N, C-alpha and C. Protein backbone atom coordinates (compact mmCIF):
# COMPACT_ATOMS: atom_id res chain seq x y z
N MET A 1 0.93 -1.31 0.12
CA MET A 1 0.07 0.09 -0.20
C MET A 1 0.86 1.29 -0.09
N GLN A 2 1.93 1.11 0.76
CA GLN A 2 2.97 2.51 0.85
C GLN A 2 3.54 2.58 -0.43
N LYS A 3 3.87 1.64 -1.22
CA LYS A 3 4.65 1.87 -2.47
C LYS A 3 3.14 2.55 -3.75
N ASN A 4 2.02 2.20 -3.34
CA ASN A 4 1.32 2.79 -4.37
C ASN A 4 0.80 4.41 -3.98
N ILE A 5 0.98 4.58 -2.94
CA ILE A 5 0.86 5.76 -2.34
C ILE A 5 1.92 6.63 -3.04
N LEU A 6 3.22 6.15 -2.67
CA LEU A 6 4.56 6.73 -3.22
C LEU A 6 4.36 7.07 -5.09
N ILE A 7 3.93 5.98 -5.56
CA ILE A 7 3.75 6.39 -7.09
C ILE A 7 2.84 7.29 -7.37
N LEU A 8 1.74 7.35 -6.49
CA LEU A 8 0.56 8.13 -6.80
C LEU A 8 1.30 9.94 -6.53
N ILE A 9 1.86 10.09 -5.34
CA ILE A 9 2.50 11.12 -5.17
C ILE A 9 3.37 11.61 -6.28
N MET A 10 4.09 10.54 -6.83
CA MET A 10 5.13 11.00 -7.75
C MET A 10 4.59 11.45 -9.14
N ILE A 11 3.32 10.87 -9.44
CA ILE A 11 2.37 11.23 -10.65
C ILE A 11 1.93 12.58 -10.56
N ILE A 12 1.22 12.82 -9.36
CA ILE A 12 0.89 14.20 -9.13
C ILE A 12 1.71 15.19 -9.09
N ALA A 13 3.22 15.00 -8.52
CA ALA A 13 3.77 15.90 -8.75
C ALA A 13 4.53 16.22 -10.20
N ILE A 14 4.55 15.49 -10.89
CA ILE A 14 4.95 15.24 -12.29
C ILE A 14 3.79 16.39 -13.19
N VAL A 15 2.60 15.81 -12.85
CA VAL A 15 1.52 16.52 -13.48
C VAL A 15 1.74 17.80 -13.08
N THR A 16 1.80 18.33 -11.98
CA THR A 16 1.87 19.59 -11.37
C THR A 16 2.89 20.45 -12.06
N ILE A 17 4.13 20.09 -12.02
CA ILE A 17 5.29 20.65 -12.61
C ILE A 17 4.77 20.81 -14.36
N GLY A 18 4.05 19.67 -14.98
CA GLY A 18 3.75 20.07 -16.39
C GLY A 18 2.82 21.04 -16.36
N TYR A 19 1.78 21.25 -15.54
CA TYR A 19 0.92 22.25 -15.44
C TYR A 19 1.09 23.55 -15.45
N ARG A 20 2.31 23.82 -14.11
CA ARG A 20 2.92 24.90 -13.84
C ARG A 20 3.54 25.53 -15.35
N TRP A 21 4.37 24.50 -15.61
CA TRP A 21 5.37 24.97 -16.82
C TRP A 21 4.54 25.58 -18.08
N THR A 22 3.42 24.78 -18.26
CA THR A 22 2.56 25.11 -19.52
C THR A 22 1.81 26.40 -19.08
N GLN A 23 1.39 26.61 -17.99
CA GLN A 23 0.72 28.09 -17.38
C GLN A 23 1.86 29.09 -17.72
N ILE A 24 3.12 28.69 -17.62
CA ILE A 24 4.03 29.91 -17.81
C ILE A 24 4.42 30.39 -19.34
N GLU A 25 4.51 29.12 -19.81
CA GLU A 25 4.63 29.21 -21.34
C GLU A 25 3.55 29.87 -22.08
N SER A 26 2.24 29.58 -21.62
CA SER A 26 1.03 30.05 -22.34
C SER A 26 0.81 31.74 -21.96
N THR A 27 1.32 32.21 -20.74
CA THR A 27 1.63 33.63 -20.78
C THR A 27 1.99 34.42 -21.83
N LYS A 28 3.29 33.51 -22.52
CA LYS A 28 3.81 34.19 -23.59
C LYS A 28 3.16 34.29 -24.76
N LEU A 29 2.06 33.62 -24.80
CA LEU A 29 1.50 33.49 -26.17
C LEU A 29 -0.17 34.00 -26.26
N ALA A 30 -0.56 33.92 -24.94
CA ALA A 30 -2.09 34.78 -24.64
C ALA A 30 -2.14 35.54 -23.97
N PRO A 31 -3.21 36.33 -24.07
CA PRO A 31 -3.18 37.30 -22.77
C PRO A 31 -3.39 36.92 -21.52
N VAL A 32 -2.72 37.43 -20.41
CA VAL A 32 -2.65 36.84 -19.22
C VAL A 32 -4.07 36.51 -18.36
N GLY A 33 -4.95 37.71 -18.75
CA GLY A 33 -6.24 37.37 -18.19
C GLY A 33 -7.02 36.12 -18.83
N LEU A 34 -6.96 35.70 -20.20
CA LEU A 34 -7.24 34.43 -20.51
C LEU A 34 -6.52 33.19 -19.99
N VAL A 35 -5.38 33.47 -19.72
CA VAL A 35 -4.72 32.33 -18.84
C VAL A 35 -5.00 32.25 -17.59
N ILE A 36 -5.40 33.32 -16.59
CA ILE A 36 -5.68 33.04 -15.51
C ILE A 36 -7.26 32.63 -15.47
N SER A 37 -7.88 33.12 -16.75
CA SER A 37 -9.34 32.61 -16.42
C SER A 37 -9.25 30.96 -16.76
N LEU A 38 -8.43 30.45 -17.65
CA LEU A 38 -8.48 28.94 -17.89
C LEU A 38 -7.73 28.21 -16.60
N LYS A 39 -7.02 29.31 -15.76
CA LYS A 39 -6.39 28.38 -14.62
C LYS A 39 -7.44 28.34 -13.55
N ARG A 40 -8.25 28.97 -13.41
CA ARG A 40 -9.53 29.13 -12.74
C ARG A 40 -10.29 27.78 -12.96
N LEU A 41 -10.29 27.36 -13.99
CA LEU A 41 -10.76 25.85 -14.47
C LEU A 41 -10.42 24.79 -13.54
N SER A 42 -9.11 24.74 -13.12
CA SER A 42 -8.69 23.86 -12.60
C SER A 42 -9.10 23.81 -10.92
N VAL A 43 -9.68 24.81 -10.61
CA VAL A 43 -10.36 24.48 -9.23
C VAL A 43 -11.83 23.86 -9.50
N LEU A 44 -12.35 23.82 -10.30
CA LEU A 44 -13.75 23.39 -10.79
C LEU A 44 -13.33 21.75 -10.65
N PHE A 45 -12.19 21.40 -11.36
CA PHE A 45 -11.98 20.24 -11.78
C PHE A 45 -11.24 19.66 -10.36
N ALA A 46 -10.74 20.25 -9.57
CA ALA A 46 -10.29 19.83 -8.55
C ALA A 46 -11.45 19.45 -7.71
N VAL A 47 -12.45 20.21 -7.44
CA VAL A 47 -13.46 20.19 -6.72
C VAL A 47 -14.18 18.72 -7.04
N ILE A 48 -14.72 18.55 -8.17
CA ILE A 48 -15.32 17.44 -8.88
C ILE A 48 -14.55 16.13 -8.51
N ILE A 49 -13.30 16.07 -8.91
CA ILE A 49 -12.44 14.92 -8.82
C ILE A 49 -12.23 14.66 -7.27
N GLY A 50 -12.14 15.64 -6.27
CA GLY A 50 -12.00 15.35 -4.94
C GLY A 50 -13.16 14.85 -4.48
N ALA A 51 -14.51 15.55 -4.75
CA ALA A 51 -15.69 14.76 -4.63
C ALA A 51 -15.76 13.51 -4.83
N LYS A 52 -15.32 12.94 -5.87
CA LYS A 52 -15.63 11.78 -6.31
C LYS A 52 -14.27 10.63 -5.71
N LEU A 53 -13.22 11.12 -5.42
CA LEU A 53 -12.22 10.63 -4.92
C LEU A 53 -12.37 10.09 -3.34
N PHE A 54 -13.11 11.37 -2.34
CA PHE A 54 -13.46 11.09 -1.33
C PHE A 54 -14.80 10.89 -0.87
N LYS A 55 -15.40 10.64 -1.98
CA LYS A 55 -16.89 9.81 -1.96
C LYS A 55 -17.75 11.09 -1.17
N GLU A 56 -17.55 11.82 -1.28
CA GLU A 56 -18.62 13.35 -0.65
C GLU A 56 -19.85 13.30 -1.00
N GLU A 57 -20.81 13.22 0.03
CA GLU A 57 -22.26 13.05 -0.68
C GLU A 57 -23.11 14.28 -1.13
N ASN A 58 -22.90 15.21 -0.74
CA ASN A 58 -23.51 16.52 -1.17
C ASN A 58 -22.37 17.75 -1.47
N TYR A 59 -22.07 17.44 -2.69
CA TYR A 59 -20.92 18.26 -3.30
C TYR A 59 -21.24 19.43 -4.44
N PHE A 60 -22.58 19.28 -4.57
CA PHE A 60 -23.60 19.91 -5.68
C PHE A 60 -22.98 21.56 -5.33
N ARG A 61 -23.34 21.94 -3.79
CA ARG A 61 -23.12 23.34 -3.59
C ARG A 61 -21.57 23.76 -3.91
N LYS A 62 -20.67 22.54 -3.77
CA LYS A 62 -19.21 23.30 -3.95
C LYS A 62 -19.09 23.17 -5.54
N VAL A 63 -19.71 22.63 -6.36
CA VAL A 63 -19.62 22.89 -7.80
C VAL A 63 -20.09 24.08 -8.11
N ILE A 64 -21.04 24.67 -7.54
CA ILE A 64 -22.11 25.90 -8.00
C ILE A 64 -21.13 26.85 -7.64
N ALA A 65 -20.45 26.91 -6.41
CA ALA A 65 -19.78 28.06 -6.16
C ALA A 65 -18.30 28.03 -6.53
N THR A 66 -17.77 27.24 -6.98
CA THR A 66 -16.86 27.11 -7.88
C THR A 66 -16.92 27.26 -9.36
N SER A 67 -18.19 27.20 -9.68
CA SER A 67 -18.49 27.65 -11.18
C SER A 67 -18.48 29.18 -11.04
N LEU A 68 -18.96 29.93 -9.86
CA LEU A 68 -19.24 31.24 -9.80
C LEU A 68 -17.78 31.97 -9.77
N ILE A 69 -17.02 31.25 -9.29
CA ILE A 69 -15.40 31.59 -9.30
C ILE A 69 -14.96 31.88 -10.75
N VAL A 70 -15.13 30.55 -11.53
CA VAL A 70 -14.81 30.63 -12.77
C VAL A 70 -15.51 31.64 -13.62
N ALA A 71 -16.91 31.90 -13.49
CA ALA A 71 -17.57 32.79 -14.17
C ALA A 71 -17.09 34.10 -13.76
N GLY A 72 -16.62 34.55 -12.59
CA GLY A 72 -16.23 35.71 -12.28
C GLY A 72 -15.00 36.10 -12.91
N ALA A 73 -14.03 34.70 -13.14
CA ALA A 73 -12.71 35.14 -13.62
C ALA A 73 -12.87 35.06 -15.24
N LEU A 74 -13.91 34.77 -15.87
CA LEU A 74 -14.51 34.88 -17.28
C LEU A 74 -14.78 36.35 -17.50
N LEU A 75 -15.26 37.03 -16.60
CA LEU A 75 -16.10 38.02 -16.55
C LEU A 75 -14.75 39.17 -16.77
N ILE A 76 -13.99 38.97 -15.69
CA ILE A 76 -12.65 39.84 -15.74
C ILE A 76 -11.92 39.76 -17.10
N TYR A 77 -11.98 38.94 -17.98
CA TYR A 77 -11.27 38.99 -19.31
C TYR A 77 -12.32 38.89 -20.19
N GLU A 78 -12.66 40.03 -20.09
CA GLU A 78 -14.15 40.82 -21.26
C GLU A 78 -13.18 41.51 -22.35
N ASP A 79 -13.50 40.60 -23.66
CA ASP A 79 -12.82 41.73 -24.62
C ASP A 79 -13.43 43.03 -25.03
């Protein structure tokens, strides 16, 4: 069991490094407001995946609240 957790932590670390690197590179190619708006989408995915992973019963409110955060970030990036 301990080995499985270590492998999972290493996978998460590699994915996180890749995520951060692509975020930095994307600010060179696109407006920062758009990049930050897309970054906020990761919060929504984290809530959904966390709810499934930890088998939370009533996570619908969290999804709604997170969706409002994402909507606010998108409003900031208004053309």
